[in-house]
Amino acid sequence: MLESAQTVAFVGATDLDRAHEFYGGALGLPLVEHTELANVYDAGGTPLRVTRVEAPAGAGYTILGWVVSDIGGAVAALAAKGVAFERYPGLVQDEDGVWTAPGGSLIAWFRDPDGNILSLQEPAGNS
């Protein structure tokens, strides 16, 4: 029934203006719609609805990620815009915070202004 329906991604944010500085500014996602309740961005063809909430759920895991062809370039570009990459105890990460998963994918994590965990992934064999 839903196999041909478009997926919509949701992220909670306490301040839509601050969220726009991050999602529209630092990440460069085009703003499609703005209301008092949400900002909607085009995330590679998937609508990303950043919804105003009193307090985000605070998930301890990645809630949203992007597949990129050059994680080093993507990390450098985001870092230049002030995005800080996470470091996790027990994971061997390079100087940029990139971890090599057992299957060979390269992964880096970062947070939005509300603490939501986001990621970049370069699939194995892409480098």
N, C-alpha and C. Protein backbone atom coordinates (compact mmCIF):
# COMPACT_ATOMS: atom_id res chain seq x y z
N MET A 1 0.81 -1.20 0.00
CA MET A 1 0.00 0.00 0.00
C MET A 1 0.86 1.27 0.00
N LEU A 2 1.95 1.30 0.78
CA LEU A 2 2.77 2.50 0.86
C LEU A 2 4.03 2.42 0.00
N GLU A 3 4.22 1.34 -0.72
CA GLU A 3 5.45 1.16 -1.49
C GLU A 3 5.68 2.25 -2.52
N SER A 4 4.65 2.93 -2.98
CA SER A 4 4.85 4.00 -3.96
C SER A 4 4.60 5.39 -3.37
N ALA A 5 4.30 5.45 -2.07
CA ALA A 5 4.07 6.75 -1.42
C ALA A 5 5.40 7.39 -1.04
N GLN A 6 5.45 8.70 -1.11
CA GLN A 6 6.67 9.41 -0.74
C GLN A 6 6.86 9.40 0.77
N THR A 7 8.10 9.22 1.19
CA THR A 7 8.45 9.27 2.61
C THR A 7 8.67 10.72 3.01
N VAL A 8 8.28 11.06 4.23
CA VAL A 8 8.54 12.37 4.82
C VAL A 8 9.31 12.13 6.10
N ALA A 9 10.42 12.85 6.28
CA ALA A 9 11.22 12.74 7.50
C ALA A 9 10.84 13.87 8.45
N PHE A 10 10.89 13.59 9.77
CA PHE A 10 10.53 14.57 10.79
C PHE A 10 11.66 14.73 11.80
N VAL A 11 11.91 15.96 12.21
CA VAL A 11 12.87 16.28 13.26
C VAL A 11 12.22 17.34 14.14
N GLY A 12 12.38 17.20 15.45
CA GLY A 12 11.85 18.20 16.37
C GLY A 12 12.87 19.29 16.65
N ALA A 13 12.38 20.54 16.78
CA ALA A 13 13.25 21.68 17.08
C ALA A 13 12.50 22.65 17.99
N THR A 14 13.21 23.23 18.94
CA THR A 14 12.57 24.17 19.86
C THR A 14 12.48 25.58 19.29
N ASP A 15 13.33 25.92 18.34
CA ASP A 15 13.38 27.26 17.77
C ASP A 15 13.55 27.12 16.26
N LEU A 16 12.52 27.46 15.50
CA LEU A 16 12.56 27.26 14.05
C LEU A 16 13.55 28.19 13.36
N ASP A 17 13.77 29.39 13.89
CA ASP A 17 14.75 30.29 13.28
C ASP A 17 16.16 29.71 13.45
N ARG A 18 16.46 29.25 14.66
CA ARG A 18 17.77 28.63 14.92
C ARG A 18 17.92 27.36 14.08
N ALA A 19 16.86 26.58 13.98
CA ALA A 19 16.89 25.37 13.15
C ALA A 19 17.16 25.72 11.69
N HIS A 20 16.58 26.83 11.23
CA HIS A 20 16.79 27.23 9.83
C HIS A 20 18.25 27.63 9.59
N GLU A 21 18.88 28.28 10.57
CA GLU A 21 20.29 28.63 10.42
C GLU A 21 21.12 27.36 10.21
N PHE A 22 20.71 26.28 10.88
CA PHE A 22 21.44 25.02 10.76
C PHE A 22 21.06 24.26 9.50
N TYR A 23 19.77 23.92 9.35
CA TYR A 23 19.34 23.08 8.23
C TYR A 23 19.42 23.82 6.89
N GLY A 24 19.01 25.08 6.87
CA GLY A 24 19.07 25.85 5.64
C GLY A 24 20.45 26.45 5.39
N GLY A 25 21.11 26.91 6.47
CA GLY A 25 22.41 27.54 6.35
C GLY A 25 23.55 26.56 6.31
N ALA A 26 23.87 25.95 7.46
CA ALA A 26 25.03 25.05 7.55
C ALA A 26 24.89 23.83 6.62
N LEU A 27 23.71 23.21 6.60
CA LEU A 27 23.53 22.02 5.76
C LEU A 27 23.16 22.36 4.32
N GLY A 28 22.69 23.58 4.08
CA GLY A 28 22.38 24.01 2.72
C GLY A 28 21.12 23.42 2.12
N LEU A 29 20.18 22.96 2.96
CA LEU A 29 18.95 22.39 2.42
C LEU A 29 17.99 23.50 1.99
N PRO A 30 17.42 23.39 0.79
CA PRO A 30 16.47 24.41 0.34
C PRO A 30 15.18 24.40 1.18
N LEU A 31 14.76 25.58 1.62
CA LEU A 31 13.51 25.73 2.36
C LEU A 31 12.36 25.69 1.35
N VAL A 32 11.41 24.79 1.58
CA VAL A 32 10.27 24.63 0.69
C VAL A 32 9.04 25.33 1.27
N GLU A 33 8.92 25.30 2.60
CA GLU A 33 7.75 25.88 3.26
C GLU A 33 8.12 26.30 4.67
N HIS A 34 7.55 27.42 5.11
CA HIS A 34 7.76 27.88 6.49
C HIS A 34 6.40 28.29 7.05
N THR A 35 6.06 27.73 8.20
CA THR A 35 4.86 28.15 8.92
C THR A 35 5.27 28.35 10.38
N GLU A 36 4.35 28.78 11.21
CA GLU A 36 4.69 28.94 12.64
C GLU A 36 4.90 27.60 13.32
N LEU A 37 4.50 26.50 12.67
CA LEU A 37 4.62 25.17 13.25
C LEU A 37 5.81 24.37 12.73
N ALA A 38 6.30 24.69 11.53
CA ALA A 38 7.37 23.86 10.96
C ALA A 38 8.06 24.55 9.79
N ASN A 39 9.28 24.14 9.56
CA ASN A 39 10.01 24.46 8.33
C ASN A 39 10.10 23.14 7.56
N VAL A 40 9.86 23.21 6.26
CA VAL A 40 9.99 22.02 5.43
C VAL A 40 11.12 22.27 4.44
N TYR A 41 12.05 21.32 4.38
CA TYR A 41 13.21 21.42 3.50
C TYR A 41 13.18 20.28 2.49
N ASP A 42 13.85 20.51 1.36
CA ASP A 42 14.05 19.45 0.37
C ASP A 42 15.38 18.78 0.70
N ALA A 43 15.32 17.56 1.19
CA ALA A 43 16.52 16.80 1.55
C ALA A 43 16.76 15.74 0.48
N GLY A 44 17.27 16.17 -0.65
CA GLY A 44 17.56 15.23 -1.74
C GLY A 44 16.31 14.59 -2.32
N GLY A 45 15.21 15.33 -2.35
CA GLY A 45 13.95 14.80 -2.88
C GLY A 45 13.00 14.30 -1.81
N THR A 46 13.47 14.16 -0.60
CA THR A 46 12.63 13.76 0.53
C THR A 46 12.28 14.99 1.34
N PRO A 47 11.00 15.24 1.58
CA PRO A 47 10.65 16.37 2.43
C PRO A 47 11.13 16.12 3.87
N LEU A 48 11.83 17.10 4.44
CA LEU A 48 12.27 17.04 5.82
C LEU A 48 11.49 18.11 6.57
N ARG A 49 10.62 17.67 7.45
CA ARG A 49 9.77 18.58 8.22
C ARG A 49 10.38 18.78 9.60
N VAL A 50 10.92 19.98 9.83
CA VAL A 50 11.50 20.35 11.11
C VAL A 50 10.36 21.02 11.89
N THR A 51 9.83 20.28 12.85
CA THR A 51 8.61 20.67 13.56
C THR A 51 8.93 21.32 14.90
N ARG A 52 8.25 22.43 15.18
CA ARG A 52 8.44 23.10 16.47
C ARG A 52 7.85 22.23 17.58
N VAL A 53 8.68 21.98 18.60
CA VAL A 53 8.28 21.19 19.76
C VAL A 53 8.79 21.89 21.02
N GLU A 54 8.19 21.58 22.16
CA GLU A 54 8.69 22.15 23.42
C GLU A 54 10.03 21.56 23.80
N ALA A 55 10.17 20.25 23.60
CA ALA A 55 11.43 19.57 23.90
C ALA A 55 11.56 18.37 22.98
N PRO A 56 12.68 18.28 22.22
CA PRO A 56 12.87 17.11 21.37
C PRO A 56 12.93 15.84 22.21
N ALA A 57 12.65 14.72 21.60
CA ALA A 57 12.60 13.44 22.31
C ALA A 57 13.95 13.05 22.91
N GLY A 58 15.04 13.52 22.35
CA GLY A 58 16.36 13.21 22.91
C GLY A 58 16.79 11.77 22.68
N ALA A 59 16.61 11.29 21.47
CA ALA A 59 17.02 9.92 21.15
C ALA A 59 18.54 9.79 21.28
N GLY A 60 19.00 8.67 21.79
CA GLY A 60 20.42 8.41 21.95
C GLY A 60 21.02 7.72 20.74
N TYR A 61 20.39 7.87 19.60
CA TYR A 61 20.85 7.22 18.37
C TYR A 61 20.59 8.15 17.20
N THR A 62 21.14 7.80 16.05
CA THR A 62 20.97 8.61 14.85
C THR A 62 19.51 8.63 14.43
N ILE A 63 18.98 9.83 14.20
CA ILE A 63 17.59 9.94 13.76
C ILE A 63 17.46 10.29 12.29
N LEU A 64 18.57 10.78 11.71
CA LEU A 64 18.53 11.23 10.32
C LEU A 64 19.94 11.18 9.76
N GLY A 65 20.09 10.70 8.54
CA GLY A 65 21.42 10.63 7.96
C GLY A 65 21.39 10.82 6.46
N TRP A 66 22.56 11.12 5.93
CA TRP A 66 22.73 11.33 4.50
C TRP A 66 23.82 10.41 3.97
N VAL A 67 23.60 9.83 2.81
CA VAL A 67 24.61 9.04 2.12
C VAL A 67 25.34 10.00 1.20
N VAL A 68 26.67 10.03 1.34
CA VAL A 68 27.49 10.95 0.55
C VAL A 68 28.54 10.16 -0.22
N SER A 69 29.04 10.74 -1.29
CA SER A 69 30.05 10.05 -2.09
C SER A 69 31.46 10.34 -1.60
N ASP A 70 31.65 11.42 -0.85
CA ASP A 70 32.97 11.81 -0.35
C ASP A 70 32.83 12.31 1.08
N ILE A 71 32.93 11.42 2.05
CA ILE A 71 32.71 11.81 3.44
C ILE A 71 33.76 12.81 3.92
N GLY A 72 35.00 12.68 3.46
CA GLY A 72 36.03 13.62 3.86
C GLY A 72 35.69 15.04 3.43
N GLY A 73 35.24 15.18 2.19
CA GLY A 73 34.84 16.49 1.68
C GLY A 73 33.62 17.04 2.39
N ALA A 74 32.65 16.16 2.66
CA ALA A 74 31.42 16.59 3.35
C ALA A 74 31.73 17.02 4.78
N VAL A 75 32.56 16.26 5.48
CA VAL A 75 32.95 16.61 6.85
C VAL A 75 33.68 17.95 6.85
N ALA A 76 34.61 18.13 5.94
CA ALA A 76 35.38 19.38 5.87
C ALA A 76 34.46 20.57 5.59
N ALA A 77 33.53 20.40 4.66
CA ALA A 77 32.61 21.50 4.30
C ALA A 77 31.72 21.87 5.49
N LEU A 78 31.19 20.87 6.19
CA LEU A 78 30.34 21.15 7.34
C LEU A 78 31.15 21.73 8.49
N ALA A 79 32.35 21.22 8.72
CA ALA A 79 33.20 21.76 9.79
C ALA A 79 33.52 23.22 9.53
N ALA A 80 33.72 23.58 8.26
CA ALA A 80 34.00 24.97 7.91
C ALA A 80 32.82 25.88 8.22
N LYS A 81 31.62 25.29 8.31
CA LYS A 81 30.41 26.06 8.65
C LYS A 81 30.09 25.97 10.14
N GLY A 82 31.02 25.42 10.92
CA GLY A 82 30.85 25.38 12.36
C GLY A 82 30.22 24.12 12.92
N VAL A 83 30.00 23.12 12.08
CA VAL A 83 29.42 21.86 12.56
C VAL A 83 30.52 21.05 13.25
N ALA A 84 30.24 20.61 14.47
CA ALA A 84 31.20 19.80 15.23
C ALA A 84 30.82 18.33 15.13
N PHE A 85 31.81 17.48 14.93
CA PHE A 85 31.56 16.05 14.79
C PHE A 85 31.78 15.35 16.12
N GLU A 86 30.94 14.36 16.38
CA GLU A 86 30.94 13.62 17.64
C GLU A 86 32.07 12.60 17.70
N ARG A 87 32.49 12.33 18.90
CA ARG A 87 33.44 11.25 19.17
C ARG A 87 32.78 10.33 20.18
N TYR A 88 32.89 9.03 19.95
CA TYR A 88 32.25 8.05 20.82
C TYR A 88 33.29 7.12 21.42
N PRO A 89 33.27 6.96 22.75
CA PRO A 89 34.20 6.03 23.40
C PRO A 89 34.01 4.62 22.84
N GLY A 90 35.11 3.96 22.61
CA GLY A 90 35.04 2.58 22.12
C GLY A 90 35.05 2.47 20.60
N LEU A 91 34.87 3.56 19.89
CA LEU A 91 34.95 3.54 18.43
C LEU A 91 36.27 4.18 18.02
N VAL A 92 36.96 3.53 17.10
CA VAL A 92 38.19 4.11 16.57
C VAL A 92 37.79 5.03 15.42
N GLN A 93 37.94 6.34 15.65
CA GLN A 93 37.59 7.34 14.65
C GLN A 93 38.85 8.09 14.24
N ASP A 94 38.88 8.54 12.99
CA ASP A 94 40.05 9.28 12.53
C ASP A 94 40.02 10.70 13.09
N GLU A 95 40.98 11.52 12.69
CA GLU A 95 41.10 12.87 13.23
C GLU A 95 39.88 13.75 12.94
N ASP A 96 39.09 13.38 11.94
CA ASP A 96 37.87 14.13 11.61
C ASP A 96 36.62 13.56 12.27
N GLY A 97 36.78 12.47 13.02
CA GLY A 97 35.64 11.84 13.67
C GLY A 97 34.97 10.78 12.83
N VAL A 98 35.61 10.34 11.75
CA VAL A 98 35.02 9.34 10.85
C VAL A 98 35.40 7.94 11.34
N TRP A 99 34.40 7.09 11.43
CA TRP A 99 34.55 5.70 11.87
C TRP A 99 34.39 4.79 10.66
N THR A 100 35.19 3.74 10.59
CA THR A 100 35.04 2.72 9.55
C THR A 100 34.25 1.56 10.14
N ALA A 101 33.05 1.35 9.62
CA ALA A 101 32.18 0.27 10.09
C ALA A 101 32.74 -1.08 9.65
N PRO A 102 32.34 -2.18 10.32
CA PRO A 102 32.86 -3.51 9.95
C PRO A 102 32.69 -3.84 8.47
N GLY A 103 31.64 -3.37 7.83
CA GLY A 103 31.42 -3.65 6.42
C GLY A 103 32.18 -2.72 5.49
N GLY A 104 32.89 -1.73 6.06
CA GLY A 104 33.69 -0.82 5.24
C GLY A 104 33.10 0.55 5.01
N SER A 105 31.84 0.75 5.37
CA SER A 105 31.26 2.09 5.23
C SER A 105 31.96 3.05 6.17
N LEU A 106 32.04 4.32 5.77
CA LEU A 106 32.61 5.37 6.60
C LEU A 106 31.46 6.20 7.15
N ILE A 107 31.49 6.46 8.46
CA ILE A 107 30.37 7.14 9.11
C ILE A 107 30.89 8.22 10.05
N ALA A 108 30.22 9.37 10.04
CA ALA A 108 30.53 10.46 10.96
C ALA A 108 29.21 11.00 11.51
N TRP A 109 29.22 11.36 12.78
CA TRP A 109 28.01 11.84 13.44
C TRP A 109 28.17 13.28 13.88
N PHE A 110 27.07 14.01 13.88
CA PHE A 110 27.05 15.38 14.36
C PHE A 110 25.65 15.66 14.91
N ARG A 111 25.51 16.77 15.61
CA ARG A 111 24.22 17.11 16.22
C ARG A 111 23.68 18.41 15.66
N ASP A 112 22.36 18.50 15.63
CA ASP A 112 21.73 19.77 15.28
C ASP A 112 21.65 20.63 16.55
N PRO A 113 21.17 21.86 16.46
CA PRO A 113 21.14 22.73 17.64
C PRO A 113 20.31 22.20 18.81
N ASP A 114 19.40 21.27 18.56
CA ASP A 114 18.58 20.69 19.62
C ASP A 114 19.14 19.37 20.14
N GLY A 115 20.31 18.98 19.66
CA GLY A 115 20.94 17.76 20.15
C GLY A 115 20.55 16.50 19.40
N ASN A 116 19.73 16.61 18.36
CA ASN A 116 19.39 15.45 17.55
C ASN A 116 20.65 14.93 16.87
N ILE A 117 20.85 13.62 16.89
CA ILE A 117 22.03 13.03 16.28
C ILE A 117 21.77 12.75 14.80
N LEU A 118 22.64 13.30 13.96
CA LEU A 118 22.56 13.16 12.51
C LEU A 118 23.85 12.49 12.04
N SER A 119 23.84 11.96 10.83
CA SER A 119 25.05 11.29 10.36
C SER A 119 25.29 11.48 8.87
N LEU A 120 26.53 11.22 8.50
CA LEU A 120 26.94 11.10 7.11
C LEU A 120 27.46 9.69 6.93
N GLN A 121 27.21 9.10 5.77
CA GLN A 121 27.73 7.75 5.48
C GLN A 121 28.23 7.71 4.05
N GLU A 122 29.46 7.26 3.90
CA GLU A 122 30.00 6.94 2.58
C GLU A 122 30.00 5.43 2.48
N PRO A 123 29.23 4.87 1.55
CA PRO A 123 29.16 3.41 1.44
C PRO A 123 30.52 2.77 1.17
N ALA A 124 30.66 1.54 1.60
CA ALA A 124 31.88 0.77 1.37
C ALA A 124 32.18 0.71 -0.12
N GLY A 125 33.46 0.78 -0.45
CA GLY A 125 33.87 0.68 -1.85
C GLY A 125 33.71 1.96 -2.62
N ASN A 126 33.31 3.04 -1.96
CA ASN A 126 33.08 4.32 -2.64
C ASN A 126 34.36 5.14 -2.74
N SER A 127 35.36 4.85 -1.90
CA SER A 127 36.55 5.71 -1.88
C SER A 127 37.61 5.25 -2.86
